């Protein structure tokens, strides 16, 4: 077989391994970020003395009525 093809196939396999390692690391980083964000949210809820039911209701209301900045941004995008 052509030595250049063999070399390129070897490099391809090496790159696939690196990509797989990096994807695994990205998944771990995303998991750590999500855990820290969750911890921050729980901290804010507790800091404000809210029960989980109160927080759930607040969150439902926030989803039902988008923030004014979001509405302005959407209006600008439609022009």
PDB file of N, CA and C in Angstrom:
ATOM      1  N   UNK A   1       0.851  -1.182   0.000  1.00  0.00           N
ATOM      2  CA  UNK A   1       0.000   0.000   0.000  1.00  0.00           C
ATOM      3  C   UNK A   1       0.893   1.239   0.000  1.00  0.00           C
ATOM      4  N   UNK A   2       0.373   2.277  -0.573  1.00  0.00           N
ATOM      5  CA  UNK A   2       1.089   3.548  -0.662  1.00  0.00           C
ATOM      6  C   UNK A   2       1.403   4.055   0.755  1.00  0.00           C
ATOM      7  N   UNK A   3       2.684   4.332   1.047  1.00  0.00           N
ATOM      8  CA  UNK A   3       3.068   4.779   2.394  1.00  0.00           C
ATOM      9  C   UNK A   3       2.396   6.097   2.795  1.00  0.00           C
ATOM     10  N   UNK A   4       2.121   6.954   1.811  1.00  0.00           N
ATOM     11  CA  UNK A   4       1.464   8.219   2.119  1.00  0.00           C
ATOM     12  C   UNK A   4       0.037   7.984   2.627  1.00  0.00           C
ATOM     13  N   UNK A   5      -0.660   7.024   2.011  1.00  0.00           N
ATOM     14  CA  UNK A   5      -2.022   6.677   2.455  1.00  0.00           C
ATOM     15  C   UNK A   5      -1.971   6.144   3.879  1.00  0.00           C
ATOM     16  N   UNK A   6      -1.022   5.276   4.162  1.00  0.00           N
ATOM     17  CA  UNK A   6      -0.892   4.702   5.503  1.00  0.00           C
ATOM     18  C   UNK A   6      -0.616   5.811   6.529  1.00  0.00           C
ATOM     19  N   UNK A   7       0.245   6.757   6.164  1.00  0.00           N
ATOM     20  CA  UNK A   7       0.567   7.869   7.056  1.00  0.00           C
ATOM     21  C   UNK A   7      -0.671   8.716   7.327  1.00  0.00           C
ATOM     22  N   UNK A   8      -1.418   9.022   6.257  1.00  0.00           N
ATOM     23  CA  UNK A   8      -2.630   9.830   6.415  1.00  0.00           C
ATOM     24  C   UNK A   8      -3.684   9.110   7.240  1.00  0.00           C
ATOM     25  N   UNK A   9      -3.816   7.813   7.052  1.00  0.00           N
ATOM     26  CA  UNK A   9      -4.783   7.041   7.861  1.00  0.00           C
ATOM     27  C   UNK A   9      -4.377   7.044   9.332  1.00  0.00           C
ATOM     28  N   UNK A  10      -3.089   6.950   9.579  1.00  0.00           N
ATOM     29  CA  UNK A  10      -2.605   7.002  10.959  1.00  0.00           C
ATOM     30  C   UNK A  10      -2.904   8.350  11.594  1.00  0.00           C
ATOM     31  N   UNK A  11      -2.666   9.416  10.837  1.00  0.00           N
ATOM     32  CA  UNK A  11      -2.953  10.761  11.336  1.00  0.00           C
ATOM     33  C   UNK A  11      -4.456  10.942  11.584  1.00  0.00           C
ATOM     34  N   UNK A  12      -5.271  10.392  10.681  1.00  0.00           N
ATOM     35  CA  UNK A  12      -6.723  10.467  10.832  1.00  0.00           C
ATOM     36  C   UNK A  12      -7.165   9.781  12.124  1.00  0.00           C
ATOM     37  N   UNK A  13      -6.654   8.602  12.389  1.00  0.00           N
ATOM     38  CA  UNK A  13      -7.009   7.878  13.615  1.00  0.00           C
ATOM     39  C   UNK A  13      -6.561   8.647  14.851  1.00  0.00           C
ATOM     40  N   UNK A  14      -5.387   9.237  14.786  1.00  0.00           N
ATOM     41  CA  UNK A  14      -4.875  10.029  15.906  1.00  0.00           C
ATOM     42  C   UNK A  14      -5.804  11.226  16.160  1.00  0.00           C
ATOM     43  N   UNK A  15      -6.211  11.888  15.082  1.00  0.00           N
ATOM     44  CA  UNK A  15      -7.123  13.028  15.220  1.00  0.00           C
ATOM     45  C   UNK A  15      -8.472  12.606  15.778  1.00  0.00           C
ATOM     46  N   UNK A  16      -8.976  11.454  15.334  1.00  0.00           N
ATOM     47  CA  UNK A  16     -10.251  10.964  15.859  1.00  0.00           C
ATOM     48  C   UNK A  16     -10.160  10.726  17.363  1.00  0.00           C
ATOM     49  N   UNK A  17      -9.036  10.205  17.816  1.00  0.00           N
ATOM     50  CA  UNK A  17      -8.829   9.991  19.248  1.00  0.00           C
ATOM     51  C   UNK A  17      -8.821  11.295  20.014  1.00  0.00           C
ATOM     52  N   UNK A  18      -8.126  12.292  19.471  1.00  0.00           N
ATOM     53  CA  UNK A  18      -8.078  13.600  20.122  1.00  0.00           C
ATOM     54  C   UNK A  18      -9.475  14.218  20.187  1.00  0.00           C
ATOM     55  N   UNK A  19     -10.204  14.123  19.090  1.00  0.00           N
ATOM     56  CA  UNK A  19     -11.556  14.684  19.039  1.00  0.00           C
ATOM     57  C   UNK A  19     -12.440  14.010  20.087  1.00  0.00           C
ATOM     58  N   UNK A  20     -12.337  12.706  20.178  1.00  0.00           N
ATOM     59  CA  UNK A  20     -13.134  11.968  21.156  1.00  0.00           C
ATOM     60  C   UNK A  20     -12.789  12.408  22.578  1.00  0.00           C
ATOM     61  N   UNK A  21     -11.488  12.579  22.852  1.00  0.00           N
ATOM     62  CA  UNK A  21     -11.060  13.034  24.179  1.00  0.00           C
ATOM     63  C   UNK A  21     -11.600  14.423  24.477  1.00  0.00           C
ATOM     64  N   UNK A  22     -11.529  15.318  23.481  1.00  0.00           N
ATOM     65  CA  UNK A  22     -12.009  16.684  23.678  1.00  0.00           C
ATOM     66  C   UNK A  22     -13.526  16.729  23.863  1.00  0.00           C
ATOM     67  N   UNK A  23     -14.254  15.889  23.143  1.00  0.00           N
ATOM     68  CA  UNK A  23     -15.705  15.845  23.314  1.00  0.00           C
ATOM     69  C   UNK A  23     -16.067  15.371  24.716  1.00  0.00           C
ATOM     70  N   UNK A  24     -15.326  14.389  25.211  1.00  0.00           N
ATOM     71  CA  UNK A  24     -15.543  13.911  26.572  1.00  0.00           C
ATOM     72  C   UNK A  24     -15.267  15.003  27.591  1.00  0.00           C
ATOM     73  N   UNK A  25     -14.194  15.745  27.379  1.00  0.00           N
ATOM     74  CA  UNK A  25     -13.849  16.843  28.280  1.00  0.00           C
ATOM     75  C   UNK A  25     -14.923  17.932  28.227  1.00  0.00           C
ATOM     76  N   UNK A  26     -15.420  18.235  27.023  1.00  0.00           N
ATOM     77  CA  UNK A  26     -16.493  19.232  26.894  1.00  0.00           C
ATOM     78  C   UNK A  26     -17.741  18.807  27.648  1.00  0.00           C
ATOM     79  N   UNK A  27     -18.086  17.524  27.564  1.00  0.00           N
ATOM     80  CA  UNK A  27     -19.257  17.031  28.303  1.00  0.00           C
ATOM     81  C   UNK A  27     -19.045  17.219  29.809  1.00  0.00           C
ATOM     82  N   UNK A  28     -17.835  16.932  30.288  1.00  0.00           N
ATOM     83  CA  UNK A  28     -17.535  17.095  31.710  1.00  0.00           C
ATOM     84  C   UNK A  28     -17.609  18.567  32.116  1.00  0.00           C
ATOM     85  N   UNK A  29     -17.069  19.457  31.291  1.00  0.00           N
ATOM     86  CA  UNK A  29     -17.140  20.894  31.580  1.00  0.00           C
ATOM     87  C   UNK A  29     -18.582  21.378  31.611  1.00  0.00           C
ATOM     88  N   UNK A  30     -19.403  20.928  30.663  1.00  0.00           N
ATOM     89  CA  UNK A  30     -20.813  21.315  30.638  1.00  0.00           C
ATOM     90  C   UNK A  30     -21.525  20.835  31.898  1.00  0.00           C
ATOM     91  N   UNK A  31     -21.193  19.635  32.346  1.00  0.00           N
ATOM     92  CA  UNK A  31     -21.796  19.085  33.564  1.00  0.00           C
ATOM     93  C   UNK A  31     -21.405  19.925  34.778  1.00  0.00           C
ATOM     94  N   UNK A  32     -20.128  20.295  34.878  1.00  0.00           N
ATOM     95  CA  UNK A  32     -19.670  21.109  35.997  1.00  0.00           C
ATOM     96  C   UNK A  32     -20.325  22.492  35.987  1.00  0.00           C
ATOM     97  N   UNK A  33     -20.448  23.095  34.810  1.00  0.00           N
ATOM     98  CA  UNK A  33     -21.092  24.397  34.688  1.00  0.00           C
ATOM     99  C   UNK A  33     -22.541  24.306  35.137  1.00  0.00           C
ATOM    100  N   UNK A  34     -23.246  23.286  34.662  1.00  0.00           N
ATOM    101  CA  UNK A  34     -24.654  23.109  35.026  1.00  0.00           C
ATOM    102  C   UNK A  34     -24.810  22.929  36.537  1.00  0.00           C
ATOM    103  N   UNK A  35     -23.920  22.151  37.152  1.00  0.00           N
ATOM    104  CA  UNK A  35     -24.000  21.936  38.595  1.00  0.00           C
ATOM    105  C   UNK A  35     -23.772  23.239  39.357  1.00  0.00           C
ATOM    106  N   UNK A  36     -22.800  24.044  38.916  1.00  0.00           N
ATOM    107  CA  UNK A  36     -22.536  25.322  39.580  1.00  0.00           C
ATOM    108  C   UNK A  36     -23.694  26.293  39.390  1.00  0.00           C
ATOM    109  N   UNK A  37     -24.277  26.318  38.192  1.00  0.00           N
ATOM    110  CA  UNK A  37     -25.440  27.176  37.956  1.00  0.00           C
ATOM    111  C   UNK A  37     -26.601  26.756  38.842  1.00  0.00           C
ATOM    112  N   UNK A  38     -26.824  25.454  38.954  1.00  0.00           N
ATOM    113  CA  UNK A  38     -27.904  24.952  39.807  1.00  0.00           C
ATOM    114  C   UNK A  38     -27.673  25.360  41.260  1.00  0.00           C
ATOM    115  N   UNK A  39     -26.429  25.241  41.706  1.00  0.00           N
ATOM    116  CA  UNK A  39     -26.093  25.624  43.076  1.00  0.00           C
ATOM    117  C   UNK A  39     -26.334  27.108  43.296  1.00  0.00           C
ATOM    118  N   UNK A  40     -25.960  27.941  42.313  1.00  0.00           N
ATOM    119  CA  UNK A  40     -26.204  29.380  42.413  1.00  0.00           C
ATOM    120  C   UNK A  40     -27.696  29.691  42.501  1.00  0.00           C
ATOM    121  N   UNK A  41     -28.492  29.016  41.682  1.00  0.00           N
ATOM    122  CA  UNK A  41     -29.940  29.251  41.687  1.00  0.00           C
ATOM    123  C   UNK A  41     -30.526  28.867  43.040  1.00  0.00           C
ATOM    124  N   UNK A  42     -30.135  27.720  43.550  1.00  0.00           N
ATOM    125  CA  UNK A  42     -30.632  27.278  44.857  1.00  0.00           C
ATOM    126  C   UNK A  42     -30.221  28.273  45.940  1.00  0.00           C
ATOM    127  N   UNK A  43     -28.984  28.768  45.851  1.00  0.00           N
ATOM    128  CA  UNK A  43     -28.510  29.760  46.818  1.00  0.00           C
ATOM    129  C   UNK A  43     -29.336  31.025  46.785  1.00  0.00           C
ATOM    130  N   UNK A  44     -29.670  31.507  45.582  1.00  0.00           N
ATOM    131  CA  UNK A  44     -30.483  32.724  45.466  1.00  0.00           C
ATOM    132  C   UNK A  44     -31.881  32.508  46.024  1.00  0.00           C
ATOM    133  N   UNK A  45     -32.453  31.337  45.763  1.00  0.00           N
ATOM    134  CA  UNK A  45     -33.792  31.036  46.270  1.00  0.00           C
ATOM    135  C   UNK A  45     -33.776  31.034  47.798  1.00  0.00           C
ATOM    136  N   UNK A  46     -32.788  30.361  48.366  1.00  0.00           N
ATOM    137  CA  UNK A  46     -32.700  30.299  49.834  1.00  0.00           C
ATOM    138  C   UNK A  46     -32.382  31.661  50.439  1.00  0.00           C
ATOM    139  N   UNK A  47     -31.508  32.414  49.760  1.00  0.00           N
ATOM    140  CA  UNK A  47     -31.125  33.741  50.246  1.00  0.00           C
ATOM    141  C   UNK A  47     -32.339  34.661  50.358  1.00  0.00           C
ATOM    142  N   UNK A  48     -33.299  34.476  49.475  1.00  0.00           N
ATOM    143  CA  UNK A  48     -34.507  35.290  49.485  1.00  0.00           C
ATOM    144  C   UNK A  48     -35.624  34.671  50.308  1.00  0.00           C
ATOM    145  N   UNK A  49     -35.338  33.578  50.977  1.00  0.00           N
ATOM    146  CA  UNK A  49     -36.313  32.959  51.862  1.00  0.00           C
ATOM    147  C   UNK A  49     -37.509  32.360  51.146  1.00  0.00           C
ATOM    148  N   UNK A  50     -37.324  31.982  49.895  1.00  0.00           N
ATOM    149  CA  UNK A  50     -38.426  31.417  49.118  1.00  0.00           C
ATOM    150  C   UNK A  50     -38.515  29.911  49.331  1.00  0.00           C
ATOM    151  N   UNK A  51     -39.737  29.417  49.295  1.00  0.00           N
ATOM    152  CA  UNK A  51     -39.930  27.973  49.279  1.00  0.00           C
ATOM    153  C   UNK A  51     -39.793  27.512  47.829  1.00  0.00           C
ATOM    154  N   UNK A  52     -39.656  26.238  47.637  1.00  0.00           N
ATOM    155  CA  UNK A  52     -39.549  25.715  46.276  1.00  0.00           C
ATOM    156  C   UNK A  52     -40.839  25.967  45.501  1.00  0.00           C
ATOM    157  N   UNK A  53     -41.963  25.943  46.198  1.00  0.00           N
ATOM    158  CA  UNK A  53     -43.237  26.220  45.551  1.00  0.00           C
ATOM    159  C   UNK A  53     -43.295  27.674  45.070  1.00  0.00           C
ATOM    160  N   UNK A  54     -42.803  28.594  45.902  1.00  0.00           N
ATOM    161  CA  UNK A  54     -42.777  29.997  45.511  1.00  0.00           C
ATOM    162  C   UNK A  54     -41.851  30.211  44.310  1.00  0.00           C
ATOM    163  N   UNK A  55     -40.714  29.553  44.349  1.00  0.00           N
ATOM    164  CA  UNK A  55     -39.779  29.670  43.223  1.00  0.00           C
ATOM    165  C   UNK A  55     -40.400  29.114  41.948  1.00  0.00           C
ATOM    166  N   UNK A  56     -41.065  27.964  42.055  1.00  0.00           N
ATOM    167  CA  UNK A  56     -41.703  27.359  40.887  1.00  0.00           C
ATOM    168  C   UNK A  56     -42.753  28.303  40.302  1.00  0.00           C
ATOM    169  N   UNK A  57     -43.531  28.951  41.179  1.00  0.00           N
ATOM    170  CA  UNK A  57     -44.550  29.892  40.710  1.00  0.00           C
ATOM    171  C   UNK A  57     -43.892  31.102  40.031  1.00  0.00           C
ATOM    172  N   UNK A  58     -42.843  31.622  40.618  1.00  0.00           N
ATOM    173  CA  UNK A  58     -42.115  32.740  40.014  1.00  0.00           C
ATOM    174  C   UNK A  58     -41.585  32.354  38.643  1.00  0.00           C
ATOM    175  N   UNK A  59     -41.039  31.194  38.553  1.00  0.00           N
ATOM    176  CA  UNK A  59     -40.481  30.728  37.284  1.00  0.00           C
ATOM    177  C   UNK A  59     -41.575  30.568  36.226  1.00  0.00           C
ATOM    178  N   UNK A  60     -42.709  30.013  36.615  1.00  0.00           N
ATOM    179  CA  UNK A  60     -43.840  29.881  35.680  1.00  0.00           C
ATOM    180  C   UNK A  60     -44.285  31.245  35.169  1.00  0.00           C
ATOM    181  N   UNK A  61     -44.350  32.212  36.072  1.00  0.00           N
ATOM    182  CA  UNK A  61     -44.767  33.569  35.676  1.00  0.00           C
ATOM    183  C   UNK A  61     -43.741  34.201  34.735  1.00  0.00           C
ATOM    184  N   UNK A  62     -42.476  33.967  35.015  1.00  0.00           N
ATOM    185  CA  UNK A  62     -41.427  34.517  34.154  1.00  0.00           C
ATOM    186  C   UNK A  62     -41.505  33.928  32.747  1.00  0.00           C
ATOM    187  N   UNK A  63     -41.817  32.673  32.651  1.00  0.00           N
ATOM    188  CA  UNK A  63     -41.936  32.026  31.344  1.00  0.00           C
ATOM    189  C   UNK A  63     -43.155  32.544  30.589  1.00  0.00           C
ATOM    190  N   UNK A  64     -44.212  32.836  31.309  1.00  0.00           N
ATOM    191  CA  UNK A  64     -45.451  33.291  30.675  1.00  0.00           C
ATOM    192  C   UNK A  64     -45.339  34.729  30.177  1.00  0.00           C
ATOM    193  N   UNK A  65     -44.558  35.561  30.853  1.00  0.00           N
ATOM    194  CA  UNK A  65     -44.417  36.972  30.477  1.00  0.00           C
ATOM    195  C   UNK A  65     -42.939  37.279  30.242  1.00  0.00           C
ATOM    196  N   UNK A  66     -42.498  37.303  28.983  1.00  0.00           N
ATOM    197  CA  UNK A  66     -41.089  37.567  28.705  1.00  0.00           C
ATOM    198  C   UNK A  66     -40.660  38.938  29.224  1.00  0.00           C
ATOM    199  N   UNK A  67     -39.394  39.044  29.545  1.00  0.00           N
ATOM    200  CA  UNK A  67     -38.838  40.296  30.054  1.00  0.00           C
ATOM    201  C   UNK A  67     -38.932  41.390  28.994  1.00  0.00           C
ATOM    202  N   UNK A  68     -39.060  42.646  29.409  1.00  0.00           N
ATOM    203  CA  UNK A  68     -39.148  43.747  28.442  1.00  0.00           C
ATOM    204  C   UNK A  68     -37.970  43.790  27.469  1.00  0.00           C
ATOM    205  N   UNK A  69     -36.782  43.495  27.944  1.00  0.00           N
ATOM    206  CA  UNK A  69     -35.612  43.512  27.063  1.00  0.00           C
ATOM    207  C   UNK A  69     -35.768  42.479  25.954  1.00  0.00           C
ATOM    208  N   UNK A  70     -36.345  41.353  26.259  1.00  0.00           N
ATOM    209  CA  UNK A  70     -36.578  40.314  25.254  1.00  0.00           C
ATOM    210  C   UNK A  70     -37.582  40.797  24.223  1.00  0.00           C
ATOM    211  N   UNK A  71     -38.628  41.462  24.691  1.00  0.00           N
ATOM    212  CA  UNK A  71     -39.646  41.977  23.772  1.00  0.00           C
ATOM    213  C   UNK A  71     -39.057  43.034  22.851  1.00  0.00           C
ATOM    214  N   UNK A  72     -38.210  43.919  23.407  1.00  0.00           N
ATOM    215  CA  UNK A  72     -37.576  44.958  22.585  1.00  0.00           C
ATOM    216  C   UNK A  72     -36.671  44.327  21.532  1.00  0.00           C
ATOM    217  N   UNK A  73     -35.932  43.334  21.922  1.00  0.00           N
ATOM    218  CA  UNK A  73     -35.007  42.654  21.013  1.00  0.00           C
ATOM    219  C   UNK A  73     -35.782  41.996  19.873  1.00  0.00           C
ATOM    220  N   UNK A  74     -36.895  41.349  20.208  1.00  0.00           N
ATOM    221  CA  UNK A  74     -37.724  40.710  19.180  1.00  0.00           C
ATOM    222  C   UNK A  74     -38.302  41.748  18.223  1.00  0.00           C
ATOM    223  N   UNK A  75     -38.708  42.901  18.759  1.00  0.00           N
ATOM    224  CA  UNK A  75     -39.271  43.960  17.921  1.00  0.00           C
ATOM    225  C   UNK A  75     -38.220  44.493  16.957  1.00  0.00           C
ATOM    226  N   UNK A  76     -36.989  44.639  17.414  1.00  0.00           N
ATOM    227  CA  UNK A  76     -35.912  45.103  16.551  1.00  0.00           C
ATOM    228  C   UNK A  76     -35.599  44.101  15.448  1.00  0.00           C
ATOM    229  N   UNK A  77     -35.701  42.839  15.749  1.00  0.00           N
ATOM    230  CA  UNK A  77     -35.422  41.791  14.770  1.00  0.00           C
ATOM    231  C   UNK A  77     -36.477  41.723  13.689  1.00  0.00           C
ATOM    232  N   UNK A  78     -37.690  42.181  13.981  1.00  0.00           N
ATOM    233  CA  UNK A  78     -38.781  42.132  13.004  1.00  0.00           C
ATOM    234  C   UNK A  78     -38.793  43.327  12.074  1.00  0.00           C
ATOM    235  N   UNK A  79     -38.032  44.361  12.391  1.00  0.00           N
ATOM    236  CA  UNK A  79     -38.017  45.573  11.543  1.00  0.00           C
ATOM    237  C   UNK A  79     -37.123  45.413  10.338  1.00  0.00           C
TER     238      UNK A  79
END
